[in-house]
Amino acid sequence: MAKQTFEESLEKLEQITREMEEGNLTLEASLKKFDEGMRLAEFCSRKLDEAQQRIDILINKDGTLQPEPFAGHSTGDS
């Protein structure tokens, strides 16, 4: 999968959902869309988990809001 943002991936997942709900795809096309949708859902879930961990670290530092680097967080565009 090309490097995408959470928002791009979520938009693509919503598009796949609409296409599959329409019911006009062949079985083979549906399976391909399902597989792609599962990969996108996993990616989005992983990104949400990372964001939640960052928020937890920020909030739970001795009861005060002190930023702390997220373990495994790269400074690049991920």
PDB file of N, CA and C in Angstrom:
ATOM      1  N   MET A   1       0.850  -1.171   0.000  1.00  0.00           N
ATOM      2  CA  MET A   1       0.000   0.000   0.000  1.00  0.00           C
ATOM      3  C   MET A   1       0.895   1.233   0.000  1.00  0.00           C
ATOM      4  N   ALA A   2       0.592   2.174  -0.858  1.00  0.00           N
ATOM      5  CA  ALA A   2       1.356   3.418  -0.896  1.00  0.00           C
ATOM      6  C   ALA A   2       1.155   4.157   0.419  1.00  0.00           C
ATOM      7  N   LYS A   3       2.117   4.978   0.768  1.00  0.00           N
ATOM      8  CA  LYS A   3       2.041   5.717   2.027  1.00  0.00           C
ATOM      9  C   LYS A   3       0.847   6.668   1.979  1.00  0.00           C
ATOM     10  N   GLN A   4      -0.106   6.455   2.882  1.00  0.00           N
ATOM     11  CA  GLN A   4      -1.307   7.267   2.935  1.00  0.00           C
ATOM     12  C   GLN A   4      -1.491   7.804   4.340  1.00  0.00           C
ATOM     13  N   THR A   5      -2.262   8.856   4.437  1.00  0.00           N
ATOM     14  CA  THR A   5      -2.611   9.381   5.748  1.00  0.00           C
ATOM     15  C   THR A   5      -3.816   8.613   6.276  1.00  0.00           C
ATOM     16  N   PHE A   6      -4.084   8.805   7.550  1.00  0.00           N
ATOM     17  CA  PHE A   6      -5.269   8.199   8.159  1.00  0.00           C
ATOM     18  C   PHE A   6      -6.518   8.645   7.414  1.00  0.00           C
ATOM     19  N   GLU A   7      -6.603   9.938   7.140  1.00  0.00           N
ATOM     20  CA  GLU A   7      -7.797  10.486   6.485  1.00  0.00           C
ATOM     21  C   GLU A   7      -8.003   9.908   5.086  1.00  0.00           C
ATOM     22  N   GLU A   8      -6.928   9.772   4.322  1.00  0.00           N
ATOM     23  CA  GLU A   8      -7.029   9.184   2.978  1.00  0.00           C
ATOM     24  C   GLU A   8      -7.469   7.724   3.058  1.00  0.00           C
ATOM     25  N   SER A   9      -6.923   7.013   4.010  1.00  0.00           N
ATOM     26  CA  SER A   9      -7.263   5.604   4.170  1.00  0.00           C
ATOM     27  C   SER A   9      -8.712   5.437   4.599  1.00  0.00           C
ATOM     28  N   LEU A  10      -9.174   6.278   5.513  1.00  0.00           N
ATOM     29  CA  LEU A  10     -10.561   6.202   5.964  1.00  0.00           C
ATOM     30  C   LEU A  10     -11.518   6.528   4.824  1.00  0.00           C
ATOM     31  N   GLU A  11     -11.176   7.522   4.020  1.00  0.00           N
ATOM     32  CA  GLU A  11     -12.016   7.886   2.869  1.00  0.00           C
ATOM     33  C   GLU A  11     -12.113   6.718   1.880  1.00  0.00           C
ATOM     34  N   LYS A  12     -10.986   6.068   1.608  1.00  0.00           N
ATOM     35  CA  LYS A  12     -10.964   4.926   0.697  1.00  0.00           C
ATOM     36  C   LYS A  12     -11.782   3.771   1.281  1.00  0.00           C
ATOM     37  N   LEU A  13     -11.675   3.549   2.579  1.00  0.00           N
ATOM     38  CA  LEU A  13     -12.451   2.496   3.231  1.00  0.00           C
ATOM     39  C   LEU A  13     -13.950   2.776   3.123  1.00  0.00           C
ATOM     40  N   GLU A  14     -14.349   4.021   3.295  1.00  0.00           N
ATOM     41  CA  GLU A  14     -15.758   4.392   3.144  1.00  0.00           C
ATOM     42  C   GLU A  14     -16.238   4.176   1.707  1.00  0.00           C
ATOM     43  N   GLN A  15     -15.375   4.483   0.739  1.00  0.00           N
ATOM     44  CA  GLN A  15     -15.714   4.269  -0.674  1.00  0.00           C
ATOM     45  C   GLN A  15     -15.922   2.784  -0.952  1.00  0.00           C
ATOM     46  N   ILE A  16     -15.024   1.951  -0.439  1.00  0.00           N
ATOM     47  CA  ILE A  16     -15.130   0.504  -0.633  1.00  0.00           C
ATOM     48  C   ILE A  16     -16.427  -0.012  -0.014  1.00  0.00           C
ATOM     49  N   THR A  17     -16.750   0.492   1.167  1.00  0.00           N
ATOM     50  CA  THR A  17     -17.983   0.077   1.842  1.00  0.00           C
ATOM     51  C   THR A  17     -19.199   0.411   0.983  1.00  0.00           C
ATOM     52  N   ARG A  18     -19.239   1.625   0.442  1.00  0.00           N
ATOM     53  CA  ARG A  18     -20.365   2.016  -0.419  1.00  0.00           C
ATOM     54  C   ARG A  18     -20.466   1.108  -1.638  1.00  0.00           C
ATOM     55  N   GLU A  19     -19.325   0.838  -2.295  1.00  0.00           N
ATOM     56  CA  GLU A  19     -19.320  -0.014  -3.482  1.00  0.00           C
ATOM     57  C   GLU A  19     -19.841  -1.418  -3.158  1.00  0.00           C
ATOM     58  N   MET A  20     -19.419  -1.955  -2.028  1.00  0.00           N
ATOM     59  CA  MET A  20     -19.845  -3.302  -1.666  1.00  0.00           C
ATOM     60  C   MET A  20     -21.320  -3.334  -1.272  1.00  0.00           C
ATOM     61  N   GLU A  21     -21.805  -2.274  -0.619  1.00  0.00           N
ATOM     62  CA  GLU A  21     -23.205  -2.212  -0.233  1.00  0.00           C
ATOM     63  C   GLU A  21     -24.126  -2.110  -1.436  1.00  0.00           C
ATOM     64  N   GLU A  22     -23.641  -1.527  -2.522  1.00  0.00           N
ATOM     65  CA  GLU A  22     -24.450  -1.416  -3.741  1.00  0.00           C
ATOM     66  C   GLU A  22     -24.746  -2.787  -4.336  1.00  0.00           C
ATOM     67  N   GLY A  23     -23.856  -3.742  -4.115  1.00  0.00           N
ATOM     68  CA  GLY A  23     -24.100  -5.103  -4.571  1.00  0.00           C
ATOM     69  C   GLY A  23     -23.899  -5.335  -6.059  1.00  0.00           C
ATOM     70  N   ASN A  24     -23.214  -4.456  -6.751  1.00  0.00           N
ATOM     71  CA  ASN A  24     -23.027  -4.590  -8.195  1.00  0.00           C
ATOM     72  C   ASN A  24     -21.696  -5.204  -8.586  1.00  0.00           C
ATOM     73  N   LEU A  25     -20.909  -5.639  -7.619  1.00  0.00           N
ATOM     74  CA  LEU A  25     -19.596  -6.206  -7.907  1.00  0.00           C
ATOM     75  C   LEU A  25     -19.684  -7.708  -8.109  1.00  0.00           C
ATOM     76  N   THR A  26     -18.782  -8.224  -8.922  1.00  0.00           N
ATOM     77  CA  THR A  26     -18.685  -9.677  -9.057  1.00  0.00           C
ATOM     78  C   THR A  26     -18.113 -10.249  -7.758  1.00  0.00           C
ATOM     79  N   LEU A  27     -18.195 -11.550  -7.618  1.00  0.00           N
ATOM     80  CA  LEU A  27     -17.652 -12.196  -6.431  1.00  0.00           C
ATOM     81  C   LEU A  27     -16.160 -11.907  -6.310  1.00  0.00           C
ATOM     82  N   GLU A  28     -15.437 -12.045  -7.408  1.00  0.00           N
ATOM     83  CA  GLU A  28     -13.991 -11.805  -7.396  1.00  0.00           C
ATOM     84  C   GLU A  28     -13.674 -10.354  -7.018  1.00  0.00           C
ATOM     85  N   ALA A  29     -14.406  -9.403  -7.593  1.00  0.00           N
ATOM     86  CA  ALA A  29     -14.185  -7.987  -7.276  1.00  0.00           C
ATOM     87  C   ALA A  29     -14.536  -7.715  -5.818  1.00  0.00           C
ATOM     88  N   SER A  30     -15.592  -8.333  -5.320  1.00  0.00           N
ATOM     89  CA  SER A  30     -15.981  -8.164  -3.921  1.00  0.00           C
ATOM     90  C   SER A  30     -14.896  -8.672  -2.983  1.00  0.00           C
ATOM     91  N   LEU A  31     -14.310  -9.816  -3.315  1.00  0.00           N
ATOM     92  CA  LEU A  31     -13.248 -10.371  -2.477  1.00  0.00           C
ATOM     93  C   LEU A  31     -12.022  -9.459  -2.461  1.00  0.00           C
ATOM     94  N   LYS A  32     -11.688  -8.891  -3.624  1.00  0.00           N
ATOM     95  CA  LYS A  32     -10.556  -7.963  -3.693  1.00  0.00           C
ATOM     96  C   LYS A  32     -10.835  -6.710  -2.866  1.00  0.00           C
ATOM     97  N   LYS A  33     -12.055  -6.188  -2.990  1.00  0.00           N
ATOM     98  CA  LYS A  33     -12.428  -4.996  -2.223  1.00  0.00           C
ATOM     99  C   LYS A  33     -12.422  -5.298  -0.725  1.00  0.00           C
ATOM    100  N   PHE A  34     -12.921  -6.479  -0.363  1.00  0.00           N
ATOM    101  CA  PHE A  34     -12.936  -6.877   1.043  1.00  0.00           C
ATOM    102  C   PHE A  34     -11.516  -6.944   1.594  1.00  0.00           C
ATOM    103  N   ASP A  35     -10.615  -7.561   0.843  1.00  0.00           N
ATOM    104  CA  ASP A  35      -9.216  -7.673   1.270  1.00  0.00           C
ATOM    105  C   ASP A  35      -8.586  -6.292   1.435  1.00  0.00           C
ATOM    106  N   GLU A  36      -8.813  -5.418   0.471  1.00  0.00           N
ATOM    107  CA  GLU A  36      -8.274  -4.062   0.564  1.00  0.00           C
ATOM    108  C   GLU A  36      -8.873  -3.327   1.750  1.00  0.00           C
ATOM    109  N   GLY A  37     -10.174  -3.495   1.956  1.00  0.00           N
ATOM    110  CA  GLY A  37     -10.847  -2.852   3.078  1.00  0.00           C
ATOM    111  C   GLY A  37     -10.306  -3.319   4.420  1.00  0.00           C
ATOM    112  N   MET A  38     -10.009  -4.603   4.536  1.00  0.00           N
ATOM    113  CA  MET A  38      -9.457  -5.137   5.782  1.00  0.00           C
ATOM    114  C   MET A  38      -8.073  -4.540   6.060  1.00  0.00           C
ATOM    115  N   ARG A  39      -7.251  -4.409   5.013  1.00  0.00           N
ATOM    116  CA  ARG A  39      -5.929  -3.806   5.188  1.00  0.00           C
ATOM    117  C   ARG A  39      -6.041  -2.336   5.600  1.00  0.00           C
ATOM    118  N   LEU A  40      -6.982  -1.623   4.984  1.00  0.00           N
ATOM    119  CA  LEU A  40      -7.195  -0.222   5.336  1.00  0.00           C
ATOM    120  C   LEU A  40      -7.726  -0.086   6.760  1.00  0.00           C
ATOM    121  N   ALA A  41      -8.647  -0.958   7.144  1.00  0.00           N
ATOM    122  CA  ALA A  41      -9.198  -0.921   8.504  1.00  0.00           C
ATOM    123  C   ALA A  41      -8.104  -1.192   9.533  1.00  0.00           C
ATOM    124  N   GLU A  42      -7.222  -2.133   9.231  1.00  0.00           N
ATOM    125  CA  GLU A  42      -6.111  -2.440  10.133  1.00  0.00           C
ATOM    126  C   GLU A  42      -5.171  -1.236  10.255  1.00  0.00           C
ATOM    127  N   PHE A  43      -4.876  -0.594   9.132  1.00  0.00           N
ATOM    128  CA  PHE A  43      -4.018   0.589   9.138  1.00  0.00           C
ATOM    129  C   PHE A  43      -4.642   1.707   9.979  1.00  0.00           C
ATOM    130  N   CYS A  44      -5.936   1.967   9.754  1.00  0.00           N
ATOM    131  CA  CYS A  44      -6.627   3.022  10.499  1.00  0.00           C
ATOM    132  C   CYS A  44      -6.657   2.699  11.993  1.00  0.00           C
ATOM    133  N   SER A  45      -6.915   1.463  12.322  1.00  0.00           N
ATOM    134  CA  SER A  45      -6.950   1.039  13.719  1.00  0.00           C
ATOM    135  C   SER A  45      -5.590   1.236  14.377  1.00  0.00           C
ATOM    136  N   ARG A  46      -4.545   0.877  13.675  1.00  0.00           N
ATOM    137  CA  ARG A  46      -3.185   1.047  14.199  1.00  0.00           C
ATOM    138  C   ARG A  46      -2.880   2.531  14.450  1.00  0.00           C
ATOM    139  N   LYS A  47      -3.270   3.388  13.509  1.00  0.00           N
ATOM    140  CA  LYS A  47      -3.045   4.831  13.661  1.00  0.00           C
ATOM    141  C   LYS A  47      -3.837   5.385  14.844  1.00  0.00           C
ATOM    142  N   LEU A  48      -5.070   4.933  15.027  1.00  0.00           N
ATOM    143  CA  LEU A  48      -5.864   5.380  16.172  1.00  0.00           C
ATOM    144  C   LEU A  48      -5.257   4.911  17.480  1.00  0.00           C
ATOM    145  N   ASP A  49      -4.759   3.679  17.507  1.00  0.00           N
ATOM    146  CA  ASP A  49      -4.096   3.166  18.713  1.00  0.00           C
ATOM    147  C   ASP A  49      -2.868   4.002  19.054  1.00  0.00           C
ATOM    148  N   GLU A  50      -2.075   4.349  18.041  1.00  0.00           N
ATOM    149  CA  GLU A  50      -0.885   5.182  18.262  1.00  0.00           C
ATOM    150  C   GLU A  50      -1.281   6.548  18.821  1.00  0.00           C
ATOM    151  N   ALA A  51      -2.329   7.140  18.258  1.00  0.00           N
ATOM    152  CA  ALA A  51      -2.791   8.440  18.737  1.00  0.00           C
ATOM    153  C   ALA A  51      -3.277   8.331  20.181  1.00  0.00           C
ATOM    154  N   GLN A  52      -4.000   7.273  20.500  1.00  0.00           N
ATOM    155  CA  GLN A  52      -4.493   7.079  21.865  1.00  0.00           C
ATOM    156  C   GLN A  52      -3.331   6.928  22.842  1.00  0.00           C
ATOM    157  N   GLN A  53      -2.285   6.210  22.452  1.00  0.00           N
ATOM    158  CA  GLN A  53      -1.128   6.047  23.316  1.00  0.00           C
ATOM    159  C   GLN A  53      -0.439   7.380  23.561  1.00  0.00           C
ATOM    160  N   ARG A  54      -0.354   8.210  22.548  1.00  0.00           N
ATOM    161  CA  ARG A  54       0.252   9.530  22.719  1.00  0.00           C
ATOM    162  C   ARG A  54      -0.569  10.372  23.687  1.00  0.00           C
ATOM    163  N   ILE A  55      -1.882  10.311  23.545  1.00  0.00           N
ATOM    164  CA  ILE A  55      -2.759  11.069  24.430  1.00  0.00           C
ATOM    165  C   ILE A  55      -2.624  10.555  25.857  1.00  0.00           C
ATOM    166  N   ASP A  56      -2.589   9.248  26.036  1.00  0.00           N
ATOM    167  CA  ASP A  56      -2.447   8.659  27.368  1.00  0.00           C
ATOM    168  C   ASP A  56      -1.152   9.098  28.022  1.00  0.00           C
ATOM    169  N   ILE A  57      -0.076   9.117  27.282  1.00  0.00           N
ATOM    170  CA  ILE A  57       1.216   9.537  27.828  1.00  0.00           C
ATOM    171  C   ILE A  57       1.144  11.003  28.245  1.00  0.00           C
ATOM    172  N   LEU A  58       0.531  11.834  27.468  1.00  0.00           N
ATOM    173  CA  LEU A  58       0.433  13.256  27.761  1.00  0.00           C
ATOM    174  C   LEU A  58      -0.423  13.502  28.999  1.00  0.00           C
ATOM    175  N   ILE A  59      -1.530  12.837  29.127  1.00  0.00           N
ATOM    176  CA  ILE A  59      -2.468  13.070  30.216  1.00  0.00           C
ATOM    177  C   ILE A  59      -1.996  12.446  31.529  1.00  0.00           C
ATOM    178  N   ASN A  60      -1.396  11.296  31.487  1.00  0.00           N
ATOM    179  CA  ASN A  60      -1.111  10.541  32.696  1.00  0.00           C
ATOM    180  C   ASN A  60       0.262  10.785  33.309  1.00  0.00           C
ATOM    181  N   LYS A  61       0.924  11.836  32.970  1.00  0.00           N
ATOM    182  CA  LYS A  61       2.245  12.140  33.527  1.00  0.00           C
ATOM    183  C   LYS A  61       2.066  12.868  34.853  1.00  0.00           C
ATOM    184  N   ASP A  62       2.024  12.122  35.948  1.00  0.00           N
ATOM    185  CA  ASP A  62       1.901  12.678  37.305  1.00  0.00           C
ATOM    186  C   ASP A  62       0.708  13.618  37.454  1.00  0.00           C
ATOM    187  N   GLY A  63      -0.352  13.343  36.739  1.00  0.00           N
ATOM    188  CA  GLY A  63      -1.552  14.162  36.865  1.00  0.00           C
ATOM    189  C   GLY A  63      -1.453  15.532  36.226  1.00  0.00           C
ATOM    190  N   THR A  64      -0.365  15.807  35.524  1.00  0.00           N
ATOM    191  CA  THR A  64      -0.222  17.087  34.841  1.00  0.00           C
ATOM    192  C   THR A  64       0.013  16.839  33.356  1.00  0.00           C
ATOM    193  N   LEU A  65      -0.227  17.841  32.566  1.00  0.00           N
ATOM    194  CA  LEU A  65      -0.046  17.726  31.124  1.00  0.00           C
ATOM    195  C   LEU A  65       1.395  18.043  30.762  1.00  0.00           C
ATOM    196  N   GLN A  66       2.181  16.995  30.647  1.00  0.00           N
ATOM    197  CA  GLN A  66       3.578  17.145  30.265  1.00  0.00           C
ATOM    198  C   GLN A  66       3.843  16.259  29.058  1.00  0.00           C
ATOM    199  N   PRO A  67       4.217  16.846  27.927  1.00  0.00           N
ATOM    200  CA  PRO A  67       4.494  16.016  26.750  1.00  0.00           C
ATOM    201  C   PRO A  67       5.706  15.138  26.979  1.00  0.00           C
ATOM    202  N   GLU A  68       5.586  13.916  26.488  1.00  0.00           N
ATOM    203  CA  GLU A  68       6.683  12.956  26.573  1.00  0.00           C
ATOM    204  C   GLU A  68       6.737  12.221  25.234  1.00  0.00           C
ATOM    205  N   PRO A  69       7.914  12.044  24.649  1.00  0.00           N
ATOM    206  CA  PRO A  69       7.991  11.352  23.357  1.00  0.00           C
ATOM    207  C   PRO A  69       7.356   9.961  23.433  1.00  0.00           C
ATOM    208  N   PHE A  70       6.628   9.641  22.394  1.00  0.00           N
ATOM    209  CA  PHE A  70       5.977   8.345  22.282  1.00  0.00           C
ATOM    210  C   PHE A  70       7.014   7.325  21.866  1.00  0.00           C
ATOM    211  N   ALA A  71       7.168   6.259  22.613  1.00  0.00           N
ATOM    212  CA  ALA A  71       8.138   5.215  22.279  1.00  0.00           C
ATOM    213  C   ALA A  71       7.839   4.664  20.899  1.00  0.00           C
ATOM    214  N   GLY A  72       8.837   4.602  20.056  1.00  0.00           N
ATOM    215  CA  GLY A  72       8.651   4.082  18.700  1.00  0.00           C
ATOM    216  C   GLY A  72       8.160   5.129  17.723  1.00  0.00           C
ATOM    217  N   HIS A  73       7.936   6.332  18.196  1.00  0.00           N
ATOM    218  CA  HIS A  73       7.456   7.410  17.322  1.00  0.00           C
ATOM    219  C   HIS A  73       8.612   7.988  16.524  1.00  0.00           C
ATOM    220  N   SER A  74       8.456   7.995  15.218  1.00  0.00           N
ATOM    221  CA  SER A  74       9.476   8.607  14.373  1.00  0.00           C
ATOM    222  C   SER A  74       9.063  10.035  14.081  1.00  0.00           C
ATOM    223  N   THR A  75      10.028  10.863  13.796  1.00  0.00           N
ATOM    224  CA  THR A  75       9.735  12.265  13.499  1.00  0.00           C
ATOM    225  C   THR A  75       9.340  12.465  12.050  1.00  0.00           C
ATOM    226  N   GLY A  76       9.367  11.389  11.251  1.00  0.00           N
ATOM    227  CA  GLY A  76       9.003  11.487   9.844  1.00  0.00           C
ATOM    228  C   GLY A  76       7.518  11.534   9.659  1.00  0.00           C
ATOM    229  N   ASP A  77       7.060  11.632   8.436  1.00  0.00           N
ATOM    230  CA  ASP A  77       5.649  11.691   8.082  1.00  0.00           C
ATOM    231  C   ASP A  77       5.085  10.289   8.046  1.00  0.00           C
ATOM    232  N   SER A  78       4.563   9.742   9.143  1.00  0.00           N
ATOM    233  CA  SER A  78       3.982   8.409   9.144  1.00  0.00           C
ATOM    234  C   SER A  78       2.507   8.461   9.214  1.00  0.00           C
TER     235      SER A  78
END
